[in-house]
Amino acid sequence: MKKLTNIGIIGVLLAWVLVLGAIDANAQKKPVLRKKPVVKKPVPPPVPVFTVDAGTIIRARINSTINSKTAAVGNTFLSTVTEPVYSNGGVVVIPTGSIITGRVTNVKKAAKGGEPGQIDVSFVSVKLPNGRTRSINGSLTDLESGKTTTDNEGTASPGKMKNRKIIFIGGGAAGGAVLGAMVGGGKATAIGAVIGAGAGFLGEKLLKGNEAEVKSGTEFNVHLDQAIALPRFVEATP
């Protein structure tokens, strides 16, 4: 009888051990975390862009003076767009007041023998008043190349560029700079300076030529060498 009692006690103890073990195992289980549903943000529709063709002319005004005596290759300068630029569909993409960054690519100081100074430049980017910036590939050209024609739909298109490569060169007795054609001949066009009547006699061997100085406010044209694509210009939201 006593033996049966001991067996019963042992059974009860084993049962309690199993129950406590099951409770402890349940306590150690990590709670199941339900993942929050992923809410996808709506994708805004793509902004349409408009093409400005290669060969388009941009009228600009330089904001600071550059001089072949002090300029160095790699120097940058800023110019302000003075007339809006339209896409080939007649949409304004570069408004008046945009800023074009130019870079000096070659400099030749004035030398004895009447050799004038020269400054070769390129144009690398344009920043719109709303803050948008776009890289460009542009070169210098004269104001005559900016003449445009208008078709029946009111779309402006630039005239043909007479000289594909133009640089600033030193002026005559009155100083200043002129645009000199490097390729295709062409007659140099005076800008920002009055060329003295005696300019043709400054080539004497012992005389030093004039430095090329492009004064702040001088106007010229930028020829787009490659097409660019931009959205319709919209003013920045305050």
C-alpha atoms as a PDB file:
ATOM      1  CA  MET A   1       0.000   0.000   0.000  1.00  0.00           C
ATOM      2  CA  LYS A   2       2.796   2.335   0.937  1.00  0.00           C
ATOM      3  CA  LYS A   3       4.505   1.489  -2.353  1.00  0.00           C
ATOM      4  CA  LEU A   4       1.410   2.426  -4.334  1.00  0.00           C
ATOM      5  CA  THR A   5       1.206   5.728  -2.491  1.00  0.00           C
ATOM      6  CA  ASN A   6       4.783   6.573  -3.396  1.00  0.00           C
ATOM      7  CA  ILE A   7       4.121   5.741  -7.046  1.00  0.00           C
ATOM      8  CA  GLY A   8       1.093   8.077  -7.012  1.00  0.00           C
ATOM      9  CA  ILE A   9       3.117  10.886  -5.512  1.00  0.00           C
ATOM     10  CA  ILE A  10       5.842  10.406  -8.130  1.00  0.00           C
ATOM     11  CA  GLY A  11       3.204  10.468 -10.894  1.00  0.00           C
ATOM     12  CA  VAL A  12       1.744  13.685  -9.561  1.00  0.00           C
ATOM     13  CA  LEU A  13       5.198  15.259  -9.409  1.00  0.00           C
ATOM     14  CA  LEU A  14       5.957  14.193 -13.002  1.00  0.00           C
ATOM     15  CA  ALA A  15       2.678  15.666 -14.130  1.00  0.00           C
ATOM     16  CA  TRP A  16       3.501  18.967 -12.454  1.00  0.00           C
ATOM     17  CA  VAL A  17       6.945  18.949 -14.066  1.00  0.00           C
ATOM     18  CA  LEU A  18       5.360  18.459 -17.496  1.00  0.00           C
ATOM     19  CA  VAL A  19       2.829  21.236 -16.873  1.00  0.00           C
ATOM     20  CA  LEU A  20       5.461  23.688 -15.619  1.00  0.00           C
ATOM     21  CA  GLY A  21       7.718  22.826 -18.567  1.00  0.00           C
ATOM     22  CA  ALA A  22       4.903  23.510 -21.012  1.00  0.00           C
ATOM     23  CA  ILE A  23       4.156  26.862 -19.327  1.00  0.00           C
ATOM     24  CA  ASP A  24       7.838  27.835 -19.427  1.00  0.00           C
ATOM     25  CA  ALA A  25       8.126  26.857 -23.099  1.00  0.00           C
ATOM     26  CA  ASN A  26       5.107  28.982 -23.961  1.00  0.00           C
ATOM     27  CA  ALA A  27       6.586  31.896 -22.005  1.00  0.00           C
ATOM     28  CA  GLN A  28       9.819  31.718 -23.995  1.00  0.00           C
ATOM     29  CA  LYS A  29       8.090  31.863 -27.358  1.00  0.00           C
ATOM     30  CA  LYS A  30       8.537  35.262 -29.028  1.00  0.00           C
ATOM     31  CA  PRO A  31       5.387  37.108 -29.878  1.00  0.00           C
ATOM     32  CA  VAL A  32       4.478  37.074 -33.545  1.00  0.00           C
ATOM     33  CA  LEU A  33       4.815  40.576 -35.009  1.00  0.00           C
ATOM     34  CA  ARG A  34       2.500  41.375 -37.835  1.00  0.00           C
ATOM     35  CA  LYS A  35       4.109  43.369 -40.617  1.00  0.00           C
ATOM     36  CA  LYS A  36       2.462  46.617 -41.468  1.00  0.00           C
ATOM     37  CA  PRO A  37       1.145  46.706 -45.009  1.00  0.00           C
ATOM     38  CA  VAL A  38       3.469  48.624 -47.351  1.00  0.00           C
ATOM     39  CA  VAL A  39       1.747  51.686 -48.734  1.00  0.00           C
ATOM     40  CA  LYS A  40       3.202  52.564 -52.118  1.00  0.00           C
ATOM     41  CA  LYS A  41       3.541  56.248 -52.786  1.00  0.00           C
ATOM     42  CA  PRO A  42       1.985  57.377 -56.039  1.00  0.00           C
ATOM     43  CA  VAL A  43       4.548  57.867 -58.776  1.00  0.00           C
ATOM     44  CA  PRO A  44       4.269  61.344 -60.313  1.00  0.00           C
ATOM     45  CA  PRO A  45       3.887  61.369 -64.082  1.00  0.00           C
ATOM     46  CA  PRO A  46       7.087  62.148 -66.018  1.00  0.00           C
ATOM     47  CA  VAL A  47       7.666  65.808 -66.793  1.00  0.00           C
ATOM     48  CA  PRO A  48       7.566  66.371 -70.568  1.00  0.00           C
ATOM     49  CA  VAL A  49      10.734  67.835 -72.038  1.00  0.00           C
ATOM     50  CA  PHE A  50      11.226  69.917 -75.155  1.00  0.00           C
ATOM     51  CA  THR A  51      14.191  69.976 -77.502  1.00  0.00           C
ATOM     52  CA  VAL A  52      16.305  72.996 -78.331  1.00  0.00           C
ATOM     53  CA  ASP A  53      18.062  72.151 -81.575  1.00  0.00           C
ATOM     54  CA  ALA A  54      21.778  72.356 -82.201  1.00  0.00           C
ATOM     55  CA  GLY A  55      22.517  75.635 -83.964  1.00  0.00           C
ATOM     56  CA  THR A  56      20.125  77.630 -81.791  1.00  0.00           C
ATOM     57  CA  ILE A  57      21.458  81.075 -80.881  1.00  0.00           C
ATOM     58  CA  ILE A  58      21.278  82.419 -77.313  1.00  0.00           C
ATOM     59  CA  ARG A  59      21.775  86.143 -76.829  1.00  0.00           C
ATOM     60  CA  ALA A  60      23.778  86.958 -73.698  1.00  0.00           C
ATOM     61  CA  ARG A  61      25.526  89.807 -71.864  1.00  0.00           C
ATOM     62  CA  ILE A  62      28.744  89.193 -69.932  1.00  0.00           C
ATOM     63  CA  ASN A  63      28.571  90.058 -66.220  1.00  0.00           C
ATOM     64  CA  SER A  64      32.253  90.800 -65.561  1.00  0.00           C
ATOM     65  CA  THR A  65      35.321  91.963 -67.450  1.00  0.00           C
ATOM     66  CA  ILE A  66      37.863  89.462 -68.754  1.00  0.00           C
ATOM     67  CA  ASN A  67      41.263  90.405 -70.177  1.00  0.00           C
ATOM     68  CA  SER A  68      43.855  88.353 -72.031  1.00  0.00           C
ATOM     69  CA  LYS A  69      46.578  89.821 -69.800  1.00  0.00           C
ATOM     70  CA  THR A  70      45.128  88.335 -66.611  1.00  0.00           C
ATOM     71  CA  ALA A  71      42.873  85.508 -67.811  1.00  0.00           C
ATOM     72  CA  ALA A  72      43.994  81.893 -67.514  1.00  0.00           C
ATOM     73  CA  VAL A  73      42.783  78.671 -69.077  1.00  0.00           C
ATOM     74  CA  GLY A  74      40.046  77.193 -66.902  1.00  0.00           C
ATOM     75  CA  ASN A  75      38.766  80.539 -65.580  1.00  0.00           C
ATOM     76  CA  THR A  76      34.982  80.772 -65.588  1.00  0.00           C
ATOM     77  CA  PHE A  77      32.730  83.783 -66.111  1.00  0.00           C
ATOM     78  CA  LEU A  78      28.988  84.417 -66.042  1.00  0.00           C
ATOM     79  CA  SER A  79      26.706  85.918 -68.664  1.00  0.00           C
ATOM     80  CA  THR A  80      23.005  86.766 -68.493  1.00  0.00           C
ATOM     81  CA  VAL A  81      20.522  85.645 -71.150  1.00  0.00           C
ATOM     82  CA  THR A  82      18.853  88.731 -72.639  1.00  0.00           C
ATOM     83  CA  GLU A  83      16.155  87.076 -74.781  1.00  0.00           C
ATOM     84  CA  PRO A  84      14.049  83.956 -74.103  1.00  0.00           C
ATOM     85  CA  VAL A  85      15.039  80.711 -75.825  1.00  0.00           C
ATOM     86  CA  TYR A  86      12.296  78.587 -77.383  1.00  0.00           C
ATOM     87  CA  SER A  87      12.190  74.872 -78.091  1.00  0.00           C
ATOM     88  CA  ASN A  88      11.630  73.659 -81.635  1.00  0.00           C
ATOM     89  CA  GLY A  89       7.937  73.503 -80.703  1.00  0.00           C
ATOM     90  CA  GLY A  90       7.715  77.128 -79.607  1.00  0.00           C
ATOM     91  CA  VAL A  91       7.845  76.514 -75.819  1.00  0.00           C
ATOM     92  CA  VAL A  92       9.941  78.802 -73.592  1.00  0.00           C
ATOM     93  CA  VAL A  93      12.585  76.655 -71.874  1.00  0.00           C
ATOM     94  CA  ILE A  94      15.313  79.233 -71.114  1.00  0.00           C
ATOM     95  CA  PRO A  95      13.843  82.573 -70.016  1.00  0.00           C
ATOM     96  CA  THR A  96      15.439  86.001 -69.906  1.00  0.00           C
ATOM     97  CA  GLY A  97      17.617  86.338 -66.814  1.00  0.00           C
ATOM     98  CA  SER A  98      19.042  82.824 -66.952  1.00  0.00           C
ATOM     99  CA  ILE A  99      22.767  82.612 -66.223  1.00  0.00           C
ATOM    100  CA  ILE A 100      25.206  80.975 -68.636  1.00  0.00           C
ATOM    101  CA  THR A 101      28.600  79.833 -67.353  1.00  0.00           C
ATOM    102  CA  GLY A 102      31.494  80.276 -69.767  1.00  0.00           C
ATOM    103  CA  ARG A 103      35.003  78.884 -69.509  1.00  0.00           C
ATOM    104  CA  VAL A 104      38.273  80.228 -70.914  1.00  0.00           C
ATOM    105  CA  THR A 105      39.774  77.493 -73.099  1.00  0.00           C
ATOM    106  CA  ASN A 106      42.783  79.321 -74.545  1.00  0.00           C
ATOM    107  CA  VAL A 107      44.579  82.624 -73.905  1.00  0.00           C
ATOM    108  CA  LYS A 108      47.248  84.425 -75.869  1.00  0.00           C
ATOM    109  CA  LYS A 109      48.668  87.628 -74.408  1.00  0.00           C
ATOM    110  CA  ALA A 110      49.451  90.584 -76.646  1.00  0.00           C
ATOM    111  CA  ALA A 111      52.997  90.515 -78.017  1.00  0.00           C
ATOM    112  CA  LYS A 112      55.447  92.791 -79.779  1.00  0.00           C
ATOM    113  CA  GLY A 113      55.078  93.113 -83.490  1.00  0.00           C
ATOM    114  CA  GLY A 114      51.505  94.280 -83.113  1.00  0.00           C
ATOM    115  CA  GLU A 115      50.128  90.847 -82.245  1.00  0.00           C
ATOM    116  CA  PRO A 116      46.873  91.365 -80.315  1.00  0.00           C
ATOM    117  CA  GLY A 117      45.792  89.324 -77.314  1.00  0.00           C
ATOM    118  CA  GLN A 118      43.272  86.534 -77.847  1.00  0.00           C
ATOM    119  CA  ILE A 119      40.730  84.799 -75.638  1.00  0.00           C
ATOM    120  CA  ASP A 120      39.016  81.584 -76.711  1.00  0.00           C
ATOM    121  CA  VAL A 121      35.952  80.542 -74.706  1.00  0.00           C
ATOM    122  CA  SER A 122      33.269  77.884 -74.524  1.00  0.00           C
ATOM    123  CA  PHE A 123      29.952  77.754 -72.668  1.00  0.00           C
ATOM    124  CA  VAL A 124      29.264  74.825 -70.386  1.00  0.00           C
ATOM    125  CA  SER A 125      26.014  75.294 -68.451  1.00  0.00           C
ATOM    126  CA  VAL A 126      22.888  77.377 -68.028  1.00  0.00           C
ATOM    127  CA  LYS A 127      21.055  78.037 -64.748  1.00  0.00           C
ATOM    128  CA  LEU A 128      17.399  79.047 -64.901  1.00  0.00           C
ATOM    129  CA  PRO A 129      15.771  81.506 -62.473  1.00  0.00           C
ATOM    130  CA  ASN A 130      13.921  78.586 -60.818  1.00  0.00           C
ATOM    131  CA  GLY A 131      17.241  76.967 -59.880  1.00  0.00           C
ATOM    132  CA  ARG A 132      17.315  74.241 -62.536  1.00  0.00           C
ATOM    133  CA  THR A 133      20.768  73.784 -64.107  1.00  0.00           C
ATOM    134  CA  ARG A 134      21.510  72.140 -67.448  1.00  0.00           C
ATOM    135  CA  SER A 135      24.869  71.354 -69.037  1.00  0.00           C
ATOM    136  CA  ILE A 136      25.332  72.770 -72.527  1.00  0.00           C
ATOM    137  CA  ASN A 137      27.957  72.705 -75.242  1.00  0.00           C
ATOM    138  CA  GLY A 138      28.145  76.199 -76.680  1.00  0.00           C
ATOM    139  CA  SER A 139      30.598  78.389 -78.552  1.00  0.00           C
ATOM    140  CA  LEU A 140      31.030  82.104 -79.134  1.00  0.00           C
ATOM    141  CA  THR A 141      29.545  83.776 -82.189  1.00  0.00           C
ATOM    142  CA  ASP A 142      28.786  87.313 -83.321  1.00  0.00           C
ATOM    143  CA  LEU A 143      25.544  89.244 -83.020  1.00  0.00           C
ATOM    144  CA  GLU A 144      24.791  88.949 -86.740  1.00  0.00           C
ATOM    145  CA  SER A 145      24.365  85.194 -86.302  1.00  0.00           C
ATOM    146  CA  GLY A 146      21.434  85.813 -83.979  1.00  0.00           C
ATOM    147  CA  LYS A 147      19.051  86.978 -86.685  1.00  0.00           C
ATOM    148  CA  THR A 148      15.987  84.739 -86.679  1.00  0.00           C
ATOM    149  CA  THR A 149      13.085  83.939 -88.958  1.00  0.00           C
ATOM    150  CA  THR A 150       9.551  83.073 -87.889  1.00  0.00           C
ATOM    151  CA  ASP A 151       7.349  80.461 -89.551  1.00  0.00           C
ATOM    152  CA  ASN A 152       3.557  80.459 -89.861  1.00  0.00           C
ATOM    153  CA  GLU A 153       3.176  78.862 -86.426  1.00  0.00           C
ATOM    154  CA  GLY A 154       5.192  81.576 -84.711  1.00  0.00           C
ATOM    155  CA  THR A 155       8.214  79.353 -84.041  1.00  0.00           C
ATOM    156  CA  ALA A 156      11.503  81.221 -84.157  1.00  0.00           C
ATOM    157  CA  SER A 157      14.493  79.574 -85.786  1.00  0.00           C
ATOM    158  CA  PRO A 158      18.033  80.993 -85.877  1.00  0.00           C
ATOM    159  CA  GLY A 159      19.795  81.977 -89.046  1.00  0.00           C
ATOM    160  CA  LYS A 160      22.821  80.034 -90.204  1.00  0.00           C
ATOM    161  CA  MET A 161      26.026  80.683 -88.338  1.00  0.00           C
ATOM    162  CA  LYS A 162      28.491  82.329 -90.671  1.00  0.00           C
ATOM    163  CA  ASN A 163      31.610  81.430 -88.705  1.00  0.00           C
ATOM    164  CA  ARG A 164      31.733  78.240 -86.691  1.00  0.00           C
ATOM    165  CA  LYS A 165      34.725  79.259 -84.576  1.00  0.00           C
ATOM    166  CA  ILE A 166      35.119  82.782 -83.208  1.00  0.00           C
ATOM    167  CA  ILE A 167      37.363  84.258 -80.503  1.00  0.00           C
ATOM    168  CA  PHE A 168      37.829  87.588 -78.746  1.00  0.00           C
ATOM    169  CA  ILE A 169      40.870  89.471 -80.073  1.00  0.00           C
ATOM    170  CA  GLY A 170      42.508  92.734 -79.042  1.00  0.00           C
ATOM    171  CA  GLY A 171      41.019  95.898 -80.560  1.00  0.00           C
ATOM    172  CA  GLY A 172      42.559  98.951 -82.121  1.00  0.00           C
ATOM    173  CA  ALA A 173      43.816 102.249 -80.736  1.00  0.00           C
ATOM    174  CA  ALA A 174      40.657 102.733 -78.689  1.00  0.00           C
ATOM    175  CA  GLY A 175      41.187  99.376 -76.949  1.00  0.00           C
ATOM    176  CA  GLY A 176      38.410  96.892 -76.269  1.00  0.00           C
ATOM    177  CA  ALA A 177      37.807  93.589 -77.990  1.00  0.00           C
ATOM    178  CA  VAL A 178      36.532  92.475 -81.349  1.00  0.00           C
ATOM    179  CA  LEU A 179      35.206  89.162 -82.508  1.00  0.00           C
ATOM    180  CA  GLY A 180      37.616  87.550 -84.931  1.00  0.00           C
ATOM    181  CA  ALA A 181      36.691  84.593 -87.113  1.00  0.00           C
ATOM    182  CA  MET A 182      39.189  81.735 -86.914  1.00  0.00           C
ATOM    183  CA  VAL A 183      37.488  79.504 -89.465  1.00  0.00           C
ATOM    184  CA  GLY A 184      35.855  80.442 -92.728  1.00  0.00           C
ATOM    185  CA  GLY A 185      37.305  83.910 -93.038  1.00  0.00           C
ATOM    186  CA  GLY A 186      34.606  86.419 -92.378  1.00  0.00           C
ATOM    187  CA  LYS A 187      34.837  90.029 -91.317  1.00  0.00           C
ATOM    188  CA  ALA A 188      35.496  90.702 -87.653  1.00  0.00           C
ATOM    189  CA  THR A 189      32.579  92.392 -85.886  1.00  0.00           C
ATOM    190  CA  ALA A 190      33.268  95.117 -83.316  1.00  0.00           C
ATOM    191  CA  ILE A 191      31.556  94.734 -79.957  1.00  0.00           C
ATOM    192  CA  GLY A 192      31.822  96.902 -76.867  1.00  0.00           C
ATOM    193  CA  ALA A 193      34.503  99.094 -78.404  1.00  0.00           C
ATOM    194  CA  VAL A 194      35.148 101.698 -81.069  1.00  0.00           C
ATOM    195  CA  ILE A 195      37.977 100.705 -83.371  1.00  0.00           C
ATOM    196  CA  GLY A 196      40.249 103.658 -84.005  1.00  0.00           C
ATOM    197  CA  ALA A 197      40.756 104.910 -87.524  1.00  0.00           C
ATOM    198  CA  GLY A 198      44.458 104.252 -87.214  1.00  0.00           C
ATOM    199  CA  ALA A 199      44.085 100.670 -86.025  1.00  0.00           C
ATOM    200  CA  GLY A 200      45.518  99.296 -89.247  1.00  0.00           C
ATOM    201  CA  PHE A 201      48.836 101.056 -88.610  1.00  0.00           C
ATOM    202  CA  LEU A 202      49.515  99.427 -85.243  1.00  0.00           C
ATOM    203  CA  GLY A 203      51.289  96.455 -86.719  1.00  0.00           C
ATOM    204  CA  GLU A 204      54.725  98.047 -86.575  1.00  0.00           C
ATOM    205  CA  LYS A 205      57.417  95.620 -85.443  1.00  0.00           C
ATOM    206  CA  LEU A 206      58.306  97.428 -82.229  1.00  0.00           C
ATOM    207  CA  LEU A 207      54.762  98.010 -81.032  1.00  0.00           C
ATOM    208  CA  LYS A 208      52.939  95.635 -78.718  1.00  0.00           C
ATOM    209  CA  GLY A 209      49.453  94.640 -79.746  1.00  0.00           C
ATOM    210  CA  ASN A 210      46.338  95.381 -77.700  1.00  0.00           C
ATOM    211  CA  GLU A 211      45.109  92.956 -75.081  1.00  0.00           C
ATOM    212  CA  ALA A 212      41.703  91.411 -75.672  1.00  0.00           C
ATOM    213  CA  GLU A 213      39.465  92.925 -73.013  1.00  0.00           C
ATOM    214  CA  VAL A 214      35.794  92.025 -72.918  1.00  0.00           C
ATOM    215  CA  LYS A 215      34.127  94.554 -70.664  1.00  0.00           C
ATOM    216  CA  SER A 216      31.192  93.865 -68.380  1.00  0.00           C
ATOM    217  CA  GLY A 217      27.951  94.477 -70.258  1.00  0.00           C
ATOM    218  CA  THR A 218      29.322  93.393 -73.642  1.00  0.00           C
ATOM    219  CA  GLU A 219      26.722  91.496 -75.655  1.00  0.00           C
ATOM    220  CA  PHE A 220      27.390  88.515 -77.871  1.00  0.00           C
ATOM    221  CA  ASN A 221      25.727  85.316 -78.999  1.00  0.00           C
ATOM    222  CA  VAL A 222      26.158  81.752 -77.814  1.00  0.00           C
ATOM    223  CA  HIS A 223      25.851  79.059 -80.485  1.00  0.00           C
ATOM    224  CA  LEU A 224      24.514  75.718 -79.211  1.00  0.00           C
ATOM    225  CA  ASP A 225      26.800  73.063 -80.658  1.00  0.00           C
ATOM    226  CA  GLN A 226      24.620  70.215 -79.365  1.00  0.00           C
ATOM    227  CA  ALA A 227      20.878  69.910 -78.873  1.00  0.00           C
ATOM    228  CA  ILE A 228      19.517  69.986 -75.318  1.00  0.00           C
ATOM    229  CA  ALA A 229      16.205  68.923 -73.764  1.00  0.00           C
ATOM    230  CA  LEU A 230      14.475  70.898 -71.021  1.00  0.00           C
ATOM    231  CA  PRO A 231      10.979  71.025 -69.502  1.00  0.00           C
ATOM    232  CA  ARG A 232       8.769  74.047 -70.042  1.00  0.00           C
ATOM    233  CA  PHE A 233      10.047  76.821 -67.806  1.00  0.00           C
ATOM    234  CA  VAL A 234       7.926  77.320 -64.701  1.00  0.00           C
ATOM    235  CA  GLU A 235       8.674  79.846 -61.980  1.00  0.00           C
ATOM    236  CA  ALA A 236       9.790  78.357 -58.667  1.00  0.00           C
ATOM    237  CA  THR A 237       7.076  78.108 -56.002  1.00  0.00           C
ATOM    238  CA  PRO A 238       7.800  80.487 -53.083  1.00  0.00           C
END
